[in-house]
N, C-alpha and C. Protein backbone atom coordinates (compact mmCIF):
# COMPACT_ATOMS: atom_id res chain seq x y z
N MET A 1 404.66 -107.62 188.84
CA MET A 1 405.32 -106.40 189.33
C MET A 1 404.44 -105.78 190.41
N ARG A 2 405.08 -105.48 191.52
CA ARG A 2 404.31 -104.92 192.64
C ARG A 2 404.03 -103.45 192.39
N ASP A 3 402.80 -103.06 192.63
CA ASP A 3 402.41 -101.66 192.46
C ASP A 3 401.98 -101.13 193.81
N ASP A 4 402.85 -100.31 194.43
CA ASP A 4 402.51 -99.78 195.75
C ASP A 4 402.15 -98.31 195.70
N ALA A 5 401.73 -97.84 194.51
CA ALA A 5 401.35 -96.44 194.37
C ALA A 5 399.84 -96.30 194.40
N ARG A 6 399.37 -95.25 195.03
CA ARG A 6 397.95 -94.92 195.06
C ARG A 6 397.60 -94.12 193.81
N PRO A 7 396.29 -94.02 193.49
CA PRO A 7 395.88 -93.23 192.32
C PRO A 7 396.34 -91.78 192.37
N ASP A 8 396.48 -91.21 193.56
CA ASP A 8 396.90 -89.82 193.65
C ASP A 8 398.41 -89.66 193.60
N GLY A 9 399.12 -90.76 193.36
CA GLY A 9 400.57 -90.68 193.19
C GLY A 9 401.36 -90.94 194.44
N ARG A 10 400.70 -91.05 195.61
CA ARG A 10 401.42 -91.32 196.84
C ARG A 10 401.61 -92.81 197.03
N THR A 11 402.68 -93.21 197.68
CA THR A 11 402.88 -94.61 198.00
C THR A 11 402.05 -94.96 199.21
N TYR A 12 401.81 -96.27 199.39
CA TYR A 12 401.06 -96.70 200.56
C TYR A 12 401.81 -96.38 201.85
N ALA A 13 403.14 -96.44 201.78
CA ALA A 13 403.93 -96.10 202.97
C ALA A 13 403.69 -94.65 203.37
N THR A 14 403.67 -93.77 202.39
CA THR A 14 403.41 -92.36 202.66
C THR A 14 402.01 -92.16 203.21
N ALA A 15 401.06 -92.90 202.64
CA ALA A 15 399.68 -92.80 203.11
C ALA A 15 399.56 -93.29 204.55
N MET A 16 400.27 -94.36 204.88
CA MET A 16 400.22 -94.89 206.24
C MET A 16 400.84 -93.92 207.23
N ILE A 17 401.94 -93.28 206.83
CA ILE A 17 402.58 -92.28 207.69
C ILE A 17 401.61 -91.13 207.95
N GLY A 18 400.94 -90.68 206.89
CA GLY A 18 399.97 -89.60 207.05
C GLY A 18 398.83 -89.99 207.96
N ALA A 19 398.34 -91.22 207.81
CA ALA A 19 397.23 -91.69 208.65
C ALA A 19 397.66 -91.77 210.11
N LEU A 20 398.86 -92.30 210.35
CA LEU A 20 399.36 -92.40 211.72
C LEU A 20 399.53 -91.03 212.34
N ALA A 21 400.02 -90.07 211.54
CA ALA A 21 400.19 -88.70 212.04
C ALA A 21 398.85 -88.09 212.42
N ARG A 22 397.83 -88.34 211.61
CA ARG A 22 396.51 -87.77 211.89
C ARG A 22 395.85 -88.44 213.10
N LEU A 23 396.17 -89.70 213.33
CA LEU A 23 395.53 -90.44 214.41
C LEU A 23 396.28 -90.35 215.73
N ARG A 24 397.38 -89.61 215.77
CA ARG A 24 398.21 -89.65 216.98
C ARG A 24 397.48 -89.13 218.22
N VAL A 25 396.58 -88.17 218.05
CA VAL A 25 395.85 -87.66 219.21
C VAL A 25 394.88 -88.72 219.73
N ALA A 26 394.12 -89.35 218.82
CA ALA A 26 393.20 -90.41 219.22
C ALA A 26 393.95 -91.58 219.86
N LEU A 27 395.07 -91.96 219.26
CA LEU A 27 395.88 -93.02 219.84
C LEU A 27 396.42 -92.62 221.20
N GLY A 28 396.70 -91.32 221.35
CA GLY A 28 397.20 -90.82 222.62
C GLY A 28 396.20 -91.03 223.75
N TRP A 29 394.90 -90.88 223.45
CA TRP A 29 393.89 -91.12 224.48
C TRP A 29 393.86 -92.59 224.88
N VAL A 30 393.98 -93.48 223.88
CA VAL A 30 394.00 -94.91 224.17
C VAL A 30 395.21 -95.28 225.03
N VAL A 31 396.37 -94.77 224.61
CA VAL A 31 397.59 -95.03 225.38
C VAL A 31 397.48 -94.42 226.77
N GLY A 32 396.88 -93.24 226.87
CA GLY A 32 396.72 -92.58 228.15
C GLY A 32 395.92 -93.41 229.15
N VAL A 33 394.85 -94.02 228.66
CA VAL A 33 394.04 -94.87 229.54
C VAL A 33 394.86 -96.06 230.03
N LEU A 34 395.60 -96.70 229.12
CA LEU A 34 396.45 -97.83 229.51
C LEU A 34 397.51 -97.41 230.52
N VAL A 35 398.07 -96.23 230.30
CA VAL A 35 399.11 -95.72 231.20
C VAL A 35 398.57 -95.55 232.61
N ILE A 36 397.40 -94.95 232.73
CA ILE A 36 396.81 -94.73 234.05
C ILE A 36 396.48 -96.06 234.72
N VAL A 37 395.95 -97.01 233.96
CA VAL A 37 395.58 -98.30 234.52
C VAL A 37 396.81 -99.06 235.03
N LEU A 38 397.91 -99.00 234.27
CA LEU A 38 399.11 -99.77 234.61
C LEU A 38 400.04 -99.06 235.58
N ALA A 39 399.83 -97.77 235.79
CA ALA A 39 400.77 -96.98 236.59
C ALA A 39 400.79 -97.42 238.05
N HIS A 40 401.96 -97.25 238.68
CA HIS A 40 402.11 -97.48 240.12
C HIS A 40 402.75 -96.24 240.76
N PRO A 41 402.07 -95.11 240.69
CA PRO A 41 402.68 -93.86 241.14
C PRO A 41 402.75 -93.74 242.66
N THR A 42 403.70 -92.95 243.09
CA THR A 42 403.77 -92.52 244.49
C THR A 42 403.85 -91.00 244.48
N SER A 43 403.70 -90.42 245.65
CA SER A 43 403.78 -88.96 245.70
C SER A 43 405.15 -88.48 245.23
N GLY A 44 406.18 -89.24 245.53
CA GLY A 44 407.53 -88.85 245.11
C GLY A 44 407.73 -88.93 243.61
N THR A 45 407.26 -90.02 242.99
CA THR A 45 407.44 -90.14 241.54
C THR A 45 406.58 -89.13 240.79
N ILE A 46 405.39 -88.84 241.34
CA ILE A 46 404.54 -87.83 240.70
C ILE A 46 405.21 -86.46 240.75
N ALA A 47 405.75 -86.10 241.90
CA ALA A 47 406.41 -84.79 242.03
C ALA A 47 407.59 -84.68 241.08
N ALA A 48 408.41 -85.73 241.01
CA ALA A 48 409.59 -85.69 240.13
C ALA A 48 409.19 -85.71 238.67
N GLY A 49 408.31 -86.65 238.32
CA GLY A 49 407.94 -86.80 236.92
C GLY A 49 407.17 -85.62 236.37
N MET A 50 406.24 -85.11 237.13
CA MET A 50 405.43 -84.02 236.62
C MET A 50 406.19 -82.69 236.60
N SER A 51 407.23 -82.58 237.40
CA SER A 51 408.10 -81.39 237.29
C SER A 51 408.81 -81.40 235.93
N ILE A 52 409.25 -82.59 235.52
CA ILE A 52 409.87 -82.71 234.20
C ILE A 52 408.84 -82.48 233.10
N ALA A 53 407.66 -83.08 233.26
CA ALA A 53 406.61 -82.90 232.26
C ALA A 53 406.22 -81.44 232.12
N ALA A 54 406.20 -80.71 233.22
CA ALA A 54 405.86 -79.28 233.16
C ALA A 54 406.87 -78.51 232.34
N CYS A 55 408.15 -78.91 232.43
CA CYS A 55 409.18 -78.26 231.60
C CYS A 55 408.91 -78.52 230.12
N GLY A 56 408.50 -79.74 229.80
CA GLY A 56 408.16 -80.05 228.42
C GLY A 56 406.97 -79.25 227.94
N GLU A 57 405.97 -79.10 228.79
CA GLU A 57 404.80 -78.31 228.41
C GLU A 57 405.15 -76.84 228.26
N ALA A 58 406.05 -76.34 229.09
CA ALA A 58 406.49 -74.95 228.97
C ALA A 58 407.14 -74.71 227.61
N LEU A 59 407.95 -75.68 227.16
CA LEU A 59 408.56 -75.57 225.83
C LEU A 59 407.49 -75.58 224.76
N ARG A 60 406.49 -76.42 224.92
CA ARG A 60 405.40 -76.48 223.94
C ARG A 60 404.63 -75.15 223.88
N VAL A 61 404.35 -74.57 225.05
CA VAL A 61 403.64 -73.29 225.09
C VAL A 61 404.45 -72.21 224.39
N TRP A 62 405.75 -72.18 224.67
CA TRP A 62 406.63 -71.20 224.03
C TRP A 62 406.59 -71.36 222.51
N ALA A 63 406.69 -72.60 222.05
CA ALA A 63 406.67 -72.86 220.62
C ALA A 63 405.32 -72.50 220.01
N ALA A 64 404.23 -72.86 220.69
CA ALA A 64 402.90 -72.58 220.17
C ALA A 64 402.64 -71.09 220.05
N GLY A 65 403.28 -70.30 220.89
CA GLY A 65 403.12 -68.86 220.84
C GLY A 65 403.86 -68.20 219.69
N HIS A 66 404.65 -68.99 218.96
CA HIS A 66 405.37 -68.47 217.79
C HIS A 66 404.92 -69.11 216.49
N LEU A 67 404.34 -70.30 216.59
CA LEU A 67 404.02 -71.07 215.39
C LEU A 67 402.78 -70.55 214.69
N ASN A 68 402.92 -70.24 213.40
CA ASN A 68 401.80 -69.83 212.56
C ASN A 68 401.62 -70.91 211.51
N LYS A 69 400.83 -71.92 211.87
CA LYS A 69 400.73 -73.12 211.05
C LYS A 69 400.24 -72.83 209.65
N ALA A 70 400.87 -73.51 208.69
CA ALA A 70 400.45 -73.50 207.28
C ALA A 70 400.62 -72.15 206.60
N ARG A 71 401.19 -71.16 207.29
CA ARG A 71 401.34 -69.84 206.68
C ARG A 71 402.79 -69.43 206.49
N GLU A 72 403.70 -70.06 207.24
CA GLU A 72 405.10 -69.67 207.14
C GLU A 72 405.97 -70.77 207.71
N VAL A 73 407.26 -70.64 207.42
CA VAL A 73 408.26 -71.48 208.09
C VAL A 73 408.74 -70.68 209.29
N THR A 74 408.27 -71.02 210.48
CA THR A 74 408.55 -70.24 211.68
C THR A 74 410.01 -70.35 212.07
N SER A 75 410.62 -69.22 212.40
CA SER A 75 412.03 -69.22 212.81
C SER A 75 412.28 -68.35 214.03
N SER A 76 411.22 -68.01 214.75
CA SER A 76 411.38 -67.22 215.98
C SER A 76 411.18 -68.13 217.18
N GLY A 77 411.44 -67.59 218.37
CA GLY A 77 411.28 -68.37 219.59
C GLY A 77 412.17 -69.60 219.59
N PRO A 78 411.67 -70.73 220.06
CA PRO A 78 412.50 -71.94 220.12
C PRO A 78 412.84 -72.49 218.74
N TYR A 79 412.12 -72.04 217.70
CA TYR A 79 412.42 -72.50 216.34
C TYR A 79 413.76 -71.99 215.84
N ARG A 80 414.36 -71.06 216.56
CA ARG A 80 415.71 -70.62 216.21
C ARG A 80 416.72 -71.74 216.42
N TRP A 81 416.44 -72.61 217.39
CA TRP A 81 417.41 -73.65 217.76
C TRP A 81 416.90 -75.07 217.51
N LEU A 82 415.59 -75.25 217.46
CA LEU A 82 415.02 -76.59 217.32
C LEU A 82 414.12 -76.65 216.10
N GLY A 83 414.23 -77.72 215.34
CA GLY A 83 413.37 -77.88 214.17
C GLY A 83 411.94 -78.19 214.54
N HIS A 84 411.75 -78.93 215.63
CA HIS A 84 410.41 -79.35 216.03
C HIS A 84 410.25 -79.21 217.55
N PRO A 85 410.22 -78.00 218.06
CA PRO A 85 410.16 -77.83 219.53
C PRO A 85 408.89 -78.37 220.16
N LEU A 86 407.77 -78.37 219.43
CA LEU A 86 406.55 -78.95 219.98
C LEU A 86 406.75 -80.43 220.27
N TYR A 87 407.40 -81.11 219.37
CA TYR A 87 407.61 -82.55 219.54
C TYR A 87 408.70 -82.84 220.56
N VAL A 88 409.69 -81.96 220.64
CA VAL A 88 410.69 -82.10 221.71
C VAL A 88 410.00 -81.95 223.06
N GLY A 89 409.13 -80.95 223.15
CA GLY A 89 408.37 -80.76 224.39
C GLY A 89 407.52 -81.96 224.73
N SER A 90 406.88 -82.55 223.72
CA SER A 90 406.07 -83.74 223.95
C SER A 90 406.92 -84.90 224.45
N SER A 91 408.13 -85.03 223.91
CA SER A 91 409.03 -86.10 224.33
C SER A 91 409.46 -85.91 225.78
N ILE A 92 409.74 -84.67 226.16
CA ILE A 92 410.10 -84.39 227.56
C ILE A 92 408.92 -84.70 228.47
N MET A 93 407.72 -84.35 228.03
CA MET A 93 406.53 -84.68 228.81
C MET A 93 406.38 -86.19 228.96
N GLY A 94 406.69 -86.93 227.90
CA GLY A 94 406.62 -88.38 227.96
C GLY A 94 407.58 -88.96 228.97
N VAL A 95 408.80 -88.41 229.01
CA VAL A 95 409.78 -88.86 230.00
C VAL A 95 409.25 -88.60 231.41
N GLY A 96 408.71 -87.41 231.62
CA GLY A 96 408.17 -87.07 232.93
C GLY A 96 407.02 -87.97 233.32
N LEU A 97 406.13 -88.27 232.37
CA LEU A 97 405.00 -89.14 232.65
C LEU A 97 405.47 -90.55 233.01
N ALA A 98 406.48 -91.03 232.29
CA ALA A 98 407.01 -92.36 232.59
C ALA A 98 407.58 -92.42 234.00
N ILE A 99 408.29 -91.39 234.39
CA ILE A 99 408.85 -91.34 235.75
C ILE A 99 407.72 -91.29 236.78
N ALA A 100 406.72 -90.48 236.52
CA ALA A 100 405.60 -90.35 237.45
C ALA A 100 404.87 -91.67 237.64
N CYS A 101 404.76 -92.46 236.57
CA CYS A 101 404.01 -93.72 236.63
C CYS A 101 404.78 -94.83 237.34
N ALA A 102 406.12 -94.73 237.38
CA ALA A 102 406.95 -95.69 238.11
C ALA A 102 406.66 -97.13 237.71
N ASN A 103 406.62 -97.36 236.40
CA ASN A 103 406.34 -98.70 235.90
C ASN A 103 407.07 -98.89 234.58
N VAL A 104 407.90 -99.94 234.49
CA VAL A 104 408.72 -100.15 233.30
C VAL A 104 407.87 -100.41 232.05
N PRO A 105 406.86 -101.29 232.10
CA PRO A 105 406.02 -101.47 230.90
C PRO A 105 405.35 -100.18 230.44
N VAL A 106 404.95 -99.33 231.38
CA VAL A 106 404.36 -98.05 231.01
C VAL A 106 405.38 -97.18 230.29
N ALA A 107 406.61 -97.16 230.80
CA ALA A 107 407.66 -96.38 230.15
C ALA A 107 407.90 -96.87 228.73
N MET A 108 407.90 -98.20 228.54
CA MET A 108 408.09 -98.76 227.20
C MET A 108 406.93 -98.40 226.28
N LEU A 109 405.71 -98.45 226.81
CA LEU A 109 404.53 -98.09 226.03
C LEU A 109 404.59 -96.64 225.58
N ILE A 110 404.95 -95.76 226.50
CA ILE A 110 405.07 -94.33 226.16
C ILE A 110 406.15 -94.13 225.10
N ALA A 111 407.29 -94.82 225.25
CA ALA A 111 408.39 -94.68 224.30
C ALA A 111 407.99 -95.13 222.91
N VAL A 112 407.29 -96.27 222.82
CA VAL A 112 406.85 -96.77 221.51
C VAL A 112 405.85 -95.82 220.87
N TYR A 113 404.90 -95.35 221.69
CA TYR A 113 403.89 -94.41 221.17
C TYR A 113 404.55 -93.14 220.62
N LEU A 114 405.43 -92.55 221.40
CA LEU A 114 406.06 -91.30 220.97
C LEU A 114 406.96 -91.52 219.76
N ALA A 115 407.73 -92.61 219.77
CA ALA A 115 408.65 -92.86 218.66
C ALA A 115 407.90 -93.04 217.35
N THR A 116 406.79 -93.78 217.38
CA THR A 116 406.07 -94.03 216.13
C THR A 116 405.25 -92.83 215.68
N THR A 117 404.49 -92.24 216.59
CA THR A 117 403.59 -91.16 216.17
C THR A 117 404.34 -89.87 215.87
N LEU A 118 405.35 -89.54 216.66
CA LEU A 118 406.09 -88.30 216.39
C LEU A 118 406.95 -88.43 215.14
N THR A 119 407.52 -89.61 214.90
CA THR A 119 408.26 -89.81 213.66
C THR A 119 407.34 -89.64 212.46
N ALA A 120 406.15 -90.23 212.53
CA ALA A 120 405.18 -90.09 211.45
C ALA A 120 404.76 -88.63 211.28
N ALA A 121 404.52 -87.94 212.40
CA ALA A 121 404.10 -86.54 212.33
C ALA A 121 405.18 -85.67 211.69
N ILE A 122 406.44 -85.91 212.07
CA ILE A 122 407.54 -85.12 211.52
C ILE A 122 407.68 -85.36 210.02
N LYS A 123 407.63 -86.62 209.60
CA LYS A 123 407.75 -86.92 208.17
C LYS A 123 406.60 -86.30 207.38
N SER A 124 405.39 -86.41 207.91
CA SER A 124 404.23 -85.85 207.23
C SER A 124 404.31 -84.33 207.16
N GLU A 125 404.71 -83.73 208.27
CA GLU A 125 404.80 -82.28 208.33
C GLU A 125 405.88 -81.75 207.40
N GLU A 126 407.03 -82.40 207.37
CA GLU A 126 408.13 -81.94 206.51
C GLU A 126 407.76 -82.08 205.04
N ALA A 127 407.05 -83.15 204.68
CA ALA A 127 406.62 -83.31 203.29
C ALA A 127 405.68 -82.17 202.89
N TYR A 128 404.78 -81.80 203.81
CA TYR A 128 403.86 -80.70 203.53
C TYR A 128 404.61 -79.38 203.37
N LEU A 129 405.55 -79.13 204.27
CA LEU A 129 406.29 -77.87 204.23
C LEU A 129 407.13 -77.75 202.97
N ARG A 130 407.68 -78.86 202.51
CA ARG A 130 408.43 -78.82 201.25
C ARG A 130 407.53 -78.48 200.09
N ARG A 131 406.33 -79.05 200.08
CA ARG A 131 405.38 -78.74 199.01
C ARG A 131 404.91 -77.30 199.09
N ALA A 132 404.62 -76.82 200.29
CA ALA A 132 404.02 -75.50 200.47
C ALA A 132 405.01 -74.36 200.34
N PHE A 133 406.24 -74.56 200.83
CA PHE A 133 407.17 -73.43 200.93
C PHE A 133 408.46 -73.61 200.12
N GLY A 134 408.68 -74.78 199.57
CA GLY A 134 409.79 -75.00 198.66
C GLY A 134 411.13 -74.54 199.19
N ASP A 135 411.73 -73.56 198.50
CA ASP A 135 413.09 -73.11 198.82
C ASP A 135 413.18 -72.54 200.24
N GLN A 136 412.10 -71.90 200.70
CA GLN A 136 412.14 -71.31 202.04
C GLN A 136 412.36 -72.40 203.09
N TYR A 137 411.68 -73.51 202.94
CA TYR A 137 411.87 -74.60 203.89
C TYR A 137 413.24 -75.26 203.69
N GLY A 138 413.71 -75.28 202.44
CA GLY A 138 415.04 -75.80 202.18
C GLY A 138 416.11 -75.02 202.93
N LEU A 139 415.98 -73.70 202.94
CA LEU A 139 416.93 -72.87 203.69
C LEU A 139 416.84 -73.15 205.18
N TYR A 140 415.63 -73.34 205.66
CA TYR A 140 415.43 -73.66 207.09
C TYR A 140 416.16 -74.94 207.45
N LYS A 141 416.07 -75.94 206.58
CA LYS A 141 416.67 -77.23 206.87
C LYS A 141 418.19 -77.22 206.72
N GLN A 142 418.72 -76.24 206.00
CA GLN A 142 420.17 -76.19 205.78
C GLN A 142 420.94 -75.83 207.04
N GLY A 143 420.31 -75.19 207.98
CA GLY A 143 421.01 -74.86 209.21
C GLY A 143 420.47 -73.60 209.86
N LEU A 144 420.83 -73.44 211.12
CA LEU A 144 420.35 -72.31 211.90
C LEU A 144 420.95 -70.99 211.44
N ALA A 145 422.13 -71.05 210.88
CA ALA A 145 422.78 -69.80 210.45
C ALA A 145 421.94 -69.08 209.41
N ALA A 146 421.32 -69.85 208.50
CA ALA A 146 420.50 -69.23 207.46
C ALA A 146 419.32 -68.50 208.07
N LYS A 147 418.73 -69.07 209.12
CA LYS A 147 417.59 -68.41 209.76
C LYS A 147 418.02 -67.14 210.48
N ARG A 148 419.14 -67.24 211.18
CA ARG A 148 419.60 -66.08 211.95
C ARG A 148 420.04 -64.94 211.05
N ALA A 149 420.50 -65.28 209.85
CA ALA A 149 420.99 -64.24 208.95
C ALA A 149 419.86 -63.46 208.30
N ARG A 150 418.68 -64.01 208.23
CA ARG A 150 417.58 -63.33 207.59
C ARG A 150 417.06 -62.23 208.48
N PRO A 151 416.99 -61.00 208.00
CA PRO A 151 416.56 -59.87 208.84
C PRO A 151 415.19 -60.11 209.45
N GLY A 152 415.10 -59.91 210.76
CA GLY A 152 413.84 -60.04 211.45
C GLY A 152 413.36 -61.45 211.69
N ALA A 153 414.19 -62.46 211.34
CA ALA A 153 413.76 -63.85 211.44
C ALA A 153 413.42 -64.23 212.87
N ALA A 154 414.16 -63.69 213.82
CA ALA A 154 413.94 -64.08 215.21
C ALA A 154 413.38 -62.94 216.06
N ALA A 155 412.89 -61.89 215.41
CA ALA A 155 412.48 -60.70 216.14
C ALA A 155 411.08 -60.81 216.73
N ARG A 156 410.24 -61.66 216.18
CA ARG A 156 408.85 -61.73 216.63
C ARG A 156 408.77 -62.29 218.04
N GLY A 157 407.95 -61.65 218.86
CA GLY A 157 407.81 -62.08 220.24
C GLY A 157 406.73 -63.13 220.42
N PHE A 158 406.65 -63.65 221.64
CA PHE A 158 405.66 -64.65 221.99
C PHE A 158 404.26 -64.04 221.95
N SER A 159 403.30 -64.80 221.43
CA SER A 159 401.91 -64.35 221.36
C SER A 159 401.01 -65.34 222.09
N ARG A 160 400.40 -64.89 223.18
CA ARG A 160 399.47 -65.76 223.90
C ARG A 160 398.28 -66.12 223.01
N ARG A 161 397.83 -65.15 222.21
CA ARG A 161 396.71 -65.42 221.30
C ARG A 161 397.06 -66.51 220.30
N GLN A 162 398.30 -66.51 219.82
CA GLN A 162 398.72 -67.54 218.88
C GLN A 162 398.79 -68.90 219.55
N ALA A 163 399.26 -68.92 220.80
CA ALA A 163 399.31 -70.19 221.54
C ALA A 163 397.90 -70.76 221.73
N ILE A 164 396.93 -69.89 222.00
CA ILE A 164 395.54 -70.33 222.15
C ILE A 164 394.99 -70.80 220.81
N ALA A 165 395.32 -70.06 219.75
CA ALA A 165 394.87 -70.46 218.41
C ALA A 165 395.41 -71.83 218.03
N ASN A 166 396.59 -72.14 218.52
CA ASN A 166 397.19 -73.46 218.27
C ASN A 166 396.69 -74.51 219.27
N ARG A 167 395.73 -74.13 220.12
CA ARG A 167 395.04 -75.03 221.04
C ARG A 167 395.98 -75.69 222.07
N GLU A 168 397.00 -74.94 222.44
CA GLU A 168 397.94 -75.50 223.42
C GLU A 168 397.31 -75.61 224.80
N HIS A 169 396.25 -74.84 225.05
CA HIS A 169 395.56 -74.96 226.34
C HIS A 169 395.00 -76.36 226.54
N ARG A 170 394.73 -77.07 225.45
CA ARG A 170 394.25 -78.45 225.58
C ARG A 170 395.34 -79.35 226.14
N ALA A 171 396.57 -79.13 225.71
CA ALA A 171 397.68 -79.93 226.23
C ALA A 171 397.89 -79.65 227.71
N ILE A 172 397.75 -78.37 228.09
CA ILE A 172 397.87 -78.01 229.51
C ILE A 172 396.78 -78.71 230.32
N ALA A 173 395.55 -78.69 229.81
CA ALA A 173 394.44 -79.35 230.50
C ALA A 173 394.71 -80.85 230.61
N GLY A 174 395.23 -81.44 229.55
CA GLY A 174 395.54 -82.86 229.58
C GLY A 174 396.58 -83.20 230.62
N LEU A 175 397.60 -82.34 230.74
CA LEU A 175 398.63 -82.54 231.76
C LEU A 175 398.03 -82.46 233.16
N MET A 176 397.16 -81.49 233.38
CA MET A 176 396.53 -81.34 234.69
C MET A 176 395.66 -82.56 235.03
N VAL A 177 394.94 -83.07 234.04
CA VAL A 177 394.12 -84.26 234.27
C VAL A 177 394.99 -85.45 234.61
N ALA A 178 396.13 -85.60 233.90
CA ALA A 178 397.05 -86.70 234.18
C ALA A 178 397.58 -86.63 235.61
N ILE A 179 397.95 -85.41 236.04
CA ILE A 179 398.43 -85.24 237.41
C ILE A 179 397.36 -85.63 238.41
N LEU A 180 396.13 -85.18 238.17
CA LEU A 180 395.03 -85.48 239.08
C LEU A 180 394.76 -86.99 239.17
N LEU A 181 394.72 -87.65 238.02
CA LEU A 181 394.43 -89.08 238.00
C LEU A 181 395.55 -89.88 238.67
N LEU A 182 396.79 -89.50 238.42
CA LEU A 182 397.90 -90.21 239.06
C LEU A 182 397.91 -89.97 240.57
N TRP A 183 397.59 -88.75 240.97
CA TRP A 183 397.52 -88.45 242.41
C TRP A 183 396.41 -89.26 243.07
N LEU A 184 395.25 -89.34 242.41
CA LEU A 184 394.15 -90.13 242.96
C LEU A 184 394.53 -91.60 243.05
N LYS A 185 395.22 -92.09 242.03
CA LYS A 185 395.61 -93.50 242.06
C LYS A 185 396.64 -93.76 243.15
N ALA A 186 397.60 -92.85 243.30
CA ALA A 186 398.60 -93.01 244.35
C ALA A 186 397.93 -92.99 245.72
N THR A 187 396.96 -92.09 245.90
CA THR A 187 396.24 -92.01 247.17
C THR A 187 395.43 -93.27 247.42
N TYR A 188 394.72 -93.73 246.39
CA TYR A 188 393.90 -94.93 246.52
C TYR A 188 394.77 -96.14 246.83
N ASN A 189 395.89 -96.28 246.11
CA ASN A 189 396.78 -97.42 246.36
C ASN A 189 397.31 -97.41 247.78
N GLY A 190 397.67 -96.21 248.27
CA GLY A 190 398.18 -96.11 249.62
C GLY A 190 397.14 -96.50 250.65
N LEU A 191 395.91 -96.02 250.46
CA LEU A 191 394.82 -96.37 251.39
C LEU A 191 394.51 -97.86 251.32
N PHE A 192 394.54 -98.41 250.11
CA PHE A 192 394.23 -99.83 249.93
C PHE A 192 395.23 -100.71 250.68
N TRP A 193 396.52 -100.41 250.50
CA TRP A 193 397.53 -101.26 251.13
C TRP A 193 397.57 -101.07 252.65
N ARG A 194 397.25 -99.86 253.10
CA ARG A 194 397.19 -99.66 254.54
C ARG A 194 396.00 -100.43 255.15
N ALA A 195 394.87 -100.42 254.41
CA ALA A 195 393.70 -101.16 254.88
C ALA A 195 393.97 -102.67 254.86
N ALA A 196 394.68 -103.13 253.82
CA ALA A 196 394.97 -104.55 253.70
C ALA A 196 395.91 -105.01 254.81
N ALA A 197 396.80 -104.11 255.25
CA ALA A 197 397.75 -104.48 256.30
C ALA A 197 397.06 -104.59 257.65
N GLY A 198 395.93 -103.90 257.79
CA GLY A 198 395.18 -103.98 259.04
C GLY A 198 395.79 -103.11 260.11
N PRO A 199 395.17 -103.07 261.28
CA PRO A 199 395.69 -102.24 262.38
C PRO A 199 397.02 -102.75 262.89
N GLN A 200 397.88 -101.84 263.22
CA GLN A 200 399.21 -102.19 263.71
C GLN A 200 399.20 -102.32 265.23
């Protein structure tokens, strides 16, 4: 008889999901290096892609300014309409990055990374919220009407301090670094091919 349960009562599948969720940032750095190496950006793709990525980061900042991790089931700001606005924002950023890189294998790599790590993060996060908040999280999952009906559920405003506490400035810095690296690569590639072509 196969025994796939750990001593603490969790299955190995659950443990793997938790590990993948915890490692998503470290894996993101590895994927990021591969993305930059494989990218074939141009000034046009960078402008288009990073405009989309900026929209995703704006959604993340908005969400981070409302999210009070581990203390409540947040229902203000974008959480009124989206269950996981931070991850939606990350997905939009991924689309923008793929466009900026102008490379099909890079787009596939980004898609696989986001699909696996964000799915794991959502499953892990939802399991925690069910344990921590029980019925309150159950009401949240039942639909948006329940959140809107609760007095004051959506009244709280955006907090820059909360966004900083949630370390969203790191994501902004990461986006800026990605833009800089892609711009440098696009510039280098352009100079390289012009030099290779020789004088006209």
